[in-house]
Amino acid sequence: MQAATQHLSQLPYPALVEFIQQTGPVTLDDRYDPEPWPALVRVVLGQQVSTKAAAAIWAKVLSATKGQFESTFLDSPERLEGCGLSRAKTRTLTELLAAKRAGTLDLPALAHQPHEIRLSELTPYWGIGPWSVEMWSLFHCRDPDIWSPGDLALKKGAAGFAAGSDPAALIQAARPYRSYLALYCWRAANANLF
């Protein structure tokens, strides 16, 4: 964490440096989920909804499943009624958990693979795109160098911190700590900075 904050603080982007000084260091542990399956379930539930809505759906699903995602989605899906799950999210999670049960998807092993392998293994599943894998890589695998180009808050944050310069150059300069730049971009979005 210190190395990441120091690296980003030395970049020639005054808006970013000032924001880091004002708000302090960020850590990947803030949203870390040590268990791979709950982490991926939570990522899927957070697809294309606000952070607040995602938290509400997660709380309902957690209550309905008691953390037994596989048996609930595959054997007792009626327990999920009223949780706010779309058909698409239900389908995605059902397919993923069926692969887990069949032994064709080993998330704990996949968590230790490079990000490119995670992408190639997970994106063939219906409803799993690069964003989902990037979020899982960031918040479960704690990969320090993840950037999600499709995330609107990250686009706005990078443009705001670049302050008229090329945001792509800022993102490139943040390597190998782009995950920390992402955390600052989300922090800036939560503060309505950009």
C-alpha atoms as a PDB file:
ATOM      1  CA  MET A   1       0.000   0.000   0.000  1.00  0.00           C
ATOM      2  CA  GLN A   2       2.735   2.498   0.919  1.00  0.00           C
ATOM      3  CA  ALA A   3       4.574   1.787  -2.317  1.00  0.00           C
ATOM      4  CA  ALA A   4       1.375   2.333  -4.317  1.00  0.00           C
ATOM      5  CA  THR A   5       0.542   5.615  -2.573  1.00  0.00           C
ATOM      6  CA  GLN A   6       4.123   6.814  -2.960  1.00  0.00           C
ATOM      7  CA  HIS A   7       4.167   5.878  -6.651  1.00  0.00           C
ATOM      8  CA  LEU A   8       0.904   7.686  -7.391  1.00  0.00           C
ATOM      9  CA  SER A   9       1.943  10.702  -5.303  1.00  0.00           C
ATOM     10  CA  GLN A  10       5.034  11.160  -7.453  1.00  0.00           C
ATOM     11  CA  LEU A  11       3.178  11.265 -10.763  1.00  0.00           C
ATOM     12  CA  PRO A  12       3.053  14.642 -12.544  1.00  0.00           C
ATOM     13  CA  TYR A  13      -0.704  15.050 -12.033  1.00  0.00           C
ATOM     14  CA  PRO A  14      -1.334  17.786  -9.437  1.00  0.00           C
ATOM     15  CA  ALA A  15      -5.065  17.076  -9.072  1.00  0.00           C
ATOM     16  CA  LEU A  16      -4.343  13.449  -8.197  1.00  0.00           C
ATOM     17  CA  VAL A  17      -1.471  14.304  -5.864  1.00  0.00           C
ATOM     18  CA  GLU A  18      -3.576  16.897  -4.054  1.00  0.00           C
ATOM     19  CA  PHE A  19      -6.475  14.453  -3.702  1.00  0.00           C
ATOM     20  CA  ILE A  20      -4.176  11.773  -2.263  1.00  0.00           C
ATOM     21  CA  GLN A  21      -2.796  14.285   0.230  1.00  0.00           C
ATOM     22  CA  GLN A  22      -6.300  15.397   1.232  1.00  0.00           C
ATOM     23  CA  THR A  23      -7.890  11.961   1.562  1.00  0.00           C
ATOM     24  CA  GLY A  24      -4.983   9.752   2.613  1.00  0.00           C
ATOM     25  CA  PRO A  25      -3.968   6.284   1.505  1.00  0.00           C
ATOM     26  CA  VAL A  26      -6.343   3.694   0.097  1.00  0.00           C
ATOM     27  CA  THR A  27      -6.116  -0.055   0.535  1.00  0.00           C
ATOM     28  CA  LEU A  28      -7.407  -3.050  -1.366  1.00  0.00           C
ATOM     29  CA  ASP A  29      -8.420  -4.517   1.992  1.00  0.00           C
ATOM     30  CA  ASP A  30     -11.321  -2.060   2.317  1.00  0.00           C
ATOM     31  CA  ARG A  31     -13.586  -4.194   0.124  1.00  0.00           C
ATOM     32  CA  TYR A  32     -11.592  -7.432   0.237  1.00  0.00           C
ATOM     33  CA  ASP A  33     -13.598 -10.631   0.452  1.00  0.00           C
ATOM     34  CA  PRO A  34     -11.373 -13.578   1.393  1.00  0.00           C
ATOM     35  CA  GLU A  35     -13.731 -16.234   0.000  1.00  0.00           C
ATOM     36  CA  PRO A  36     -13.714 -16.551  -3.799  1.00  0.00           C
ATOM     37  CA  TRP A  37     -17.320 -17.652  -4.319  1.00  0.00           C
ATOM     38  CA  PRO A  38     -19.044 -15.035  -2.139  1.00  0.00           C
ATOM     39  CA  ALA A  39     -16.768 -12.443  -3.740  1.00  0.00           C
ATOM     40  CA  LEU A  40     -17.847 -13.443  -7.254  1.00  0.00           C
ATOM     41  CA  VAL A  41     -21.519 -13.657  -6.265  1.00  0.00           C
ATOM     42  CA  ARG A  42     -21.267 -10.138  -4.874  1.00  0.00           C
ATOM     43  CA  VAL A  43     -19.628  -8.871  -8.075  1.00  0.00           C
ATOM     44  CA  VAL A  44     -22.418 -10.353 -10.205  1.00  0.00           C
ATOM     45  CA  LEU A  45     -25.056  -8.808  -7.936  1.00  0.00           C
ATOM     46  CA  GLY A  46     -23.341  -5.440  -8.383  1.00  0.00           C
ATOM     47  CA  GLN A  47     -23.434  -5.496 -12.166  1.00  0.00           C
ATOM     48  CA  GLN A  48     -25.097  -2.411 -13.672  1.00  0.00           C
ATOM     49  CA  VAL A  49     -26.623  -1.137 -10.423  1.00  0.00           C
ATOM     50  CA  SER A  50     -25.627   1.568  -7.985  1.00  0.00           C
ATOM     51  CA  THR A  51     -23.411   0.741  -5.030  1.00  0.00           C
ATOM     52  CA  LYS A  52     -26.384   1.282  -2.708  1.00  0.00           C
ATOM     53  CA  ALA A  53     -28.671  -1.020  -4.718  1.00  0.00           C
ATOM     54  CA  ALA A  54     -25.942  -3.665  -4.924  1.00  0.00           C
ATOM     55  CA  ALA A  55     -25.484  -3.590  -1.143  1.00  0.00           C
ATOM     56  CA  ALA A  56     -29.236  -4.017  -0.608  1.00  0.00           C
ATOM     57  CA  ILE A  57     -29.469  -6.964  -3.015  1.00  0.00           C
ATOM     58  CA  TRP A  58     -26.372  -8.551  -1.465  1.00  0.00           C
ATOM     59  CA  ALA A  59     -27.890  -8.303   2.036  1.00  0.00           C
ATOM     60  CA  LYS A  60     -31.139  -9.944   0.859  1.00  0.00           C
ATOM     61  CA  VAL A  61     -29.350 -12.737  -1.011  1.00  0.00           C
ATOM     62  CA  LEU A  62     -27.056 -13.379   1.932  1.00  0.00           C
ATOM     63  CA  SER A  63     -30.055 -13.610   4.258  1.00  0.00           C
ATOM     64  CA  ALA A  64     -31.965 -15.900   1.884  1.00  0.00           C
ATOM     65  CA  THR A  65     -29.046 -18.236   1.216  1.00  0.00           C
ATOM     66  CA  LYS A  66     -27.327 -18.136   4.630  1.00  0.00           C
ATOM     67  CA  GLY A  67     -24.153 -18.180   2.534  1.00  0.00           C
ATOM     68  CA  GLN A  68     -25.113 -21.492   0.910  1.00  0.00           C
ATOM     69  CA  PHE A  69     -25.175 -20.083  -2.614  1.00  0.00           C
ATOM     70  CA  GLU A  70     -24.745 -23.341  -4.503  1.00  0.00           C
ATOM     71  CA  SER A  71     -27.571 -25.256  -2.819  1.00  0.00           C
ATOM     72  CA  THR A  72     -29.917 -22.264  -2.860  1.00  0.00           C
ATOM     73  CA  PHE A  73     -29.444 -21.287  -6.514  1.00  0.00           C
ATOM     74  CA  LEU A  74     -29.392 -24.877  -7.780  1.00  0.00           C
ATOM     75  CA  ASP A  75     -31.791 -26.683  -5.435  1.00  0.00           C
ATOM     76  CA  SER A  76     -34.030 -24.072  -3.767  1.00  0.00           C
ATOM     77  CA  PRO A  77     -34.240 -21.066  -6.089  1.00  0.00           C
ATOM     78  CA  GLU A  78     -37.670 -20.162  -4.695  1.00  0.00           C
ATOM     79  CA  ARG A  79     -35.876 -18.876  -1.575  1.00  0.00           C
ATOM     80  CA  LEU A  80     -34.457 -16.082  -3.739  1.00  0.00           C
ATOM     81  CA  GLU A  81     -37.853 -14.546  -4.518  1.00  0.00           C
ATOM     82  CA  GLY A  82     -38.041 -10.973  -3.280  1.00  0.00           C
ATOM     83  CA  CYS A  83     -34.269 -10.515  -3.276  1.00  0.00           C
ATOM     84  CA  GLY A  84     -34.317  -8.155  -6.250  1.00  0.00           C
ATOM     85  CA  LEU A  85     -32.443 -10.475  -8.598  1.00  0.00           C
ATOM     86  CA  SER A  86     -32.937  -9.984 -12.302  1.00  0.00           C
ATOM     87  CA  ARG A  87     -33.367 -13.012 -14.528  1.00  0.00           C
ATOM     88  CA  ALA A  88     -29.974 -12.265 -16.032  1.00  0.00           C
ATOM     89  CA  LYS A  89     -28.179 -12.302 -12.678  1.00  0.00           C
ATOM     90  CA  THR A  90     -30.015 -15.442 -11.632  1.00  0.00           C
ATOM     91  CA  ARG A  91     -28.994 -17.149 -14.879  1.00  0.00           C
ATOM     92  CA  THR A  92     -25.367 -16.070 -14.525  1.00  0.00           C
ATOM     93  CA  LEU A  93     -25.062 -17.238 -10.941  1.00  0.00           C
ATOM     94  CA  THR A  94     -26.905 -20.492 -11.652  1.00  0.00           C
ATOM     95  CA  GLU A  95     -24.502 -21.296 -14.509  1.00  0.00           C
ATOM     96  CA  LEU A  96     -21.429 -20.426 -12.438  1.00  0.00           C
ATOM     97  CA  LEU A  97     -22.577 -22.441  -9.432  1.00  0.00           C
ATOM     98  CA  ALA A  98     -23.530 -25.396 -11.649  1.00  0.00           C
ATOM     99  CA  ALA A  99     -19.968 -25.328 -13.016  1.00  0.00           C
ATOM    100  CA  LYS A 100     -18.677 -25.294  -9.446  1.00  0.00           C
ATOM    101  CA  ARG A 101     -20.831 -28.327  -8.579  1.00  0.00           C
ATOM    102  CA  ALA A 102     -19.706 -30.136 -11.737  1.00  0.00           C
ATOM    103  CA  GLY A 103     -16.083 -29.453 -10.871  1.00  0.00           C
ATOM    104  CA  THR A 104     -15.399 -27.489 -14.054  1.00  0.00           C
ATOM    105  CA  LEU A 105     -14.840 -24.121 -12.348  1.00  0.00           C
ATOM    106  CA  ASP A 106     -12.284 -23.988  -9.553  1.00  0.00           C
ATOM    107  CA  LEU A 107     -12.349 -20.383  -8.349  1.00  0.00           C
ATOM    108  CA  PRO A 108      -9.849 -20.856  -5.503  1.00  0.00           C
ATOM    109  CA  ALA A 109      -7.261 -22.135  -7.999  1.00  0.00           C
ATOM    110  CA  LEU A 110      -8.181 -19.473 -10.549  1.00  0.00           C
ATOM    111  CA  ALA A 111      -7.587 -16.734  -7.981  1.00  0.00           C
ATOM    112  CA  HIS A 112      -3.876 -17.573  -8.053  1.00  0.00           C
ATOM    113  CA  GLN A 113      -3.606 -17.305 -11.832  1.00  0.00           C
ATOM    114  CA  PRO A 114      -2.621 -14.178 -13.804  1.00  0.00           C
ATOM    115  CA  HIS A 115      -5.454 -11.806 -14.645  1.00  0.00           C
ATOM    116  CA  GLU A 116      -5.397 -12.797 -18.335  1.00  0.00           C
ATOM    117  CA  ILE A 117      -6.099 -16.416 -17.352  1.00  0.00           C
ATOM    118  CA  ARG A 118      -8.943 -15.312 -15.088  1.00  0.00           C
ATOM    119  CA  LEU A 119     -10.424 -13.396 -18.023  1.00  0.00           C
ATOM    120  CA  SER A 120     -10.124 -16.328 -20.411  1.00  0.00           C
ATOM    121  CA  GLU A 121     -11.635 -18.783 -17.907  1.00  0.00           C
ATOM    122  CA  LEU A 122     -14.540 -16.674 -16.631  1.00  0.00           C
ATOM    123  CA  THR A 123     -15.747 -14.607 -19.596  1.00  0.00           C
ATOM    124  CA  PRO A 124     -17.144 -17.617 -21.496  1.00  0.00           C
ATOM    125  CA  TYR A 125     -19.838 -17.882 -18.812  1.00  0.00           C
ATOM    126  CA  TRP A 126     -23.057 -16.105 -19.709  1.00  0.00           C
ATOM    127  CA  GLY A 127     -23.266 -12.674 -18.079  1.00  0.00           C
ATOM    128  CA  ILE A 128     -19.596 -12.476 -17.120  1.00  0.00           C
ATOM    129  CA  GLY A 129     -17.694  -9.783 -18.965  1.00  0.00           C
ATOM    130  CA  PRO A 130     -14.360  -8.114 -18.397  1.00  0.00           C
ATOM    131  CA  TRP A 131     -15.779  -5.719 -15.748  1.00  0.00           C
ATOM    132  CA  SER A 132     -16.919  -8.614 -13.553  1.00  0.00           C
ATOM    133  CA  VAL A 133     -13.544 -10.339 -13.790  1.00  0.00           C
ATOM    134  CA  GLU A 134     -11.751  -7.051 -13.127  1.00  0.00           C
ATOM    135  CA  MET A 135     -13.814  -6.400  -9.993  1.00  0.00           C
ATOM    136  CA  TRP A 136     -13.262  -9.961  -8.750  1.00  0.00           C
ATOM    137  CA  SER A 137      -9.544  -9.660  -9.480  1.00  0.00           C
ATOM    138  CA  LEU A 138      -9.389  -6.391  -7.580  1.00  0.00           C
ATOM    139  CA  PHE A 139     -11.549  -7.194  -4.564  1.00  0.00           C
ATOM    140  CA  HIS A 140     -10.867 -10.898  -4.082  1.00  0.00           C
ATOM    141  CA  CYS A 141      -7.480 -11.517  -5.672  1.00  0.00           C
ATOM    142  CA  ARG A 142      -6.191  -8.117  -4.519  1.00  0.00           C
ATOM    143  CA  ASP A 143      -4.361  -7.698  -7.800  1.00  0.00           C
ATOM    144  CA  PRO A 144      -2.579  -4.331  -7.511  1.00  0.00           C
ATOM    145  CA  ASP A 145      -2.641  -3.537 -11.232  1.00  0.00           C
ATOM    146  CA  ILE A 146      -6.255  -3.839 -12.412  1.00  0.00           C
ATOM    147  CA  TRP A 147      -7.951  -1.169 -14.475  1.00  0.00           C
ATOM    148  CA  SER A 148     -11.513  -1.441 -15.752  1.00  0.00           C
ATOM    149  CA  PRO A 149     -11.815   0.745 -18.856  1.00  0.00           C
ATOM    150  CA  GLY A 150     -15.572   0.197 -19.078  1.00  0.00           C
ATOM    151  CA  ASP A 151     -16.282   1.603 -15.604  1.00  0.00           C
ATOM    152  CA  LEU A 152     -17.831   5.071 -15.934  1.00  0.00           C
ATOM    153  CA  ALA A 153     -16.556   6.339 -12.567  1.00  0.00           C
ATOM    154  CA  LEU A 154     -13.027   5.301 -13.511  1.00  0.00           C
ATOM    155  CA  LYS A 155     -13.287   7.108 -16.853  1.00  0.00           C
ATOM    156  CA  LYS A 156     -14.492  10.281 -15.145  1.00  0.00           C
ATOM    157  CA  GLY A 157     -11.922   9.998 -12.382  1.00  0.00           C
ATOM    158  CA  ALA A 158      -8.991   9.477 -14.726  1.00  0.00           C
ATOM    159  CA  ALA A 159     -10.114  12.412 -16.883  1.00  0.00           C
ATOM    160  CA  GLY A 160     -10.566  14.610 -13.815  1.00  0.00           C
ATOM    161  CA  PHE A 161      -7.208  13.710 -12.299  1.00  0.00           C
ATOM    162  CA  ALA A 162      -5.494  14.162 -15.689  1.00  0.00           C
ATOM    163  CA  ALA A 163      -6.928  17.712 -15.722  1.00  0.00           C
ATOM    164  CA  GLY A 164      -6.745  18.370 -19.458  1.00  0.00           C
ATOM    165  CA  SER A 165      -3.949  15.913 -20.169  1.00  0.00           C
ATOM    166  CA  ASP A 166      -4.491  12.521 -21.768  1.00  0.00           C
ATOM    167  CA  PRO A 167      -6.199  10.221 -19.204  1.00  0.00           C
ATOM    168  CA  ALA A 168      -4.656   7.184 -20.943  1.00  0.00           C
ATOM    169  CA  ALA A 169      -1.199   8.533 -20.120  1.00  0.00           C
ATOM    170  CA  LEU A 170      -2.159   8.837 -16.445  1.00  0.00           C
ATOM    171  CA  ILE A 171      -3.522   5.286 -16.403  1.00  0.00           C
ATOM    172  CA  GLN A 172      -0.337   3.997 -18.027  1.00  0.00           C
ATOM    173  CA  ALA A 173       1.849   5.966 -15.594  1.00  0.00           C
ATOM    174  CA  ALA A 174      -0.025   4.424 -12.654  1.00  0.00           C
ATOM    175  CA  ARG A 175       1.319   0.938 -13.531  1.00  0.00           C
ATOM    176  CA  PRO A 176       1.927  -1.322 -11.595  1.00  0.00           C
ATOM    177  CA  TYR A 177      -0.627   0.206  -9.188  1.00  0.00           C
ATOM    178  CA  ARG A 178      -3.637   0.912 -11.381  1.00  0.00           C
ATOM    179  CA  SER A 179      -5.936  -0.751  -8.804  1.00  0.00           C
ATOM    180  CA  TYR A 180      -5.027   2.011  -6.353  1.00  0.00           C
ATOM    181  CA  LEU A 181      -5.697   4.673  -8.977  1.00  0.00           C
ATOM    182  CA  ALA A 182      -9.096   3.019  -9.439  1.00  0.00           C
ATOM    183  CA  LEU A 183      -9.764   3.261  -5.703  1.00  0.00           C
ATOM    184  CA  TYR A 184      -8.951   6.979  -5.778  1.00  0.00           C
ATOM    185  CA  CYS A 185     -11.227   7.451  -8.795  1.00  0.00           C
ATOM    186  CA  TRP A 186     -14.101   5.758  -6.952  1.00  0.00           C
ATOM    187  CA  ARG A 187     -13.362   7.809  -3.850  1.00  0.00           C
ATOM    188  CA  ALA A 188     -13.517  10.951  -6.015  1.00  0.00           C
ATOM    189  CA  ALA A 189     -16.818   9.764  -7.544  1.00  0.00           C
ATOM    190  CA  ASN A 190     -18.297   9.215  -4.077  1.00  0.00           C
ATOM    191  CA  ALA A 191     -17.245  12.753  -3.175  1.00  0.00           C
ATOM    192  CA  ASN A 192     -18.799  14.073  -6.444  1.00  0.00           C
ATOM    193  CA  LEU A 193     -15.420  15.588  -7.316  1.00  0.00           C
ATOM    194  CA  PHE A 194     -15.745  15.068 -11.059  1.00  0.00           C
END
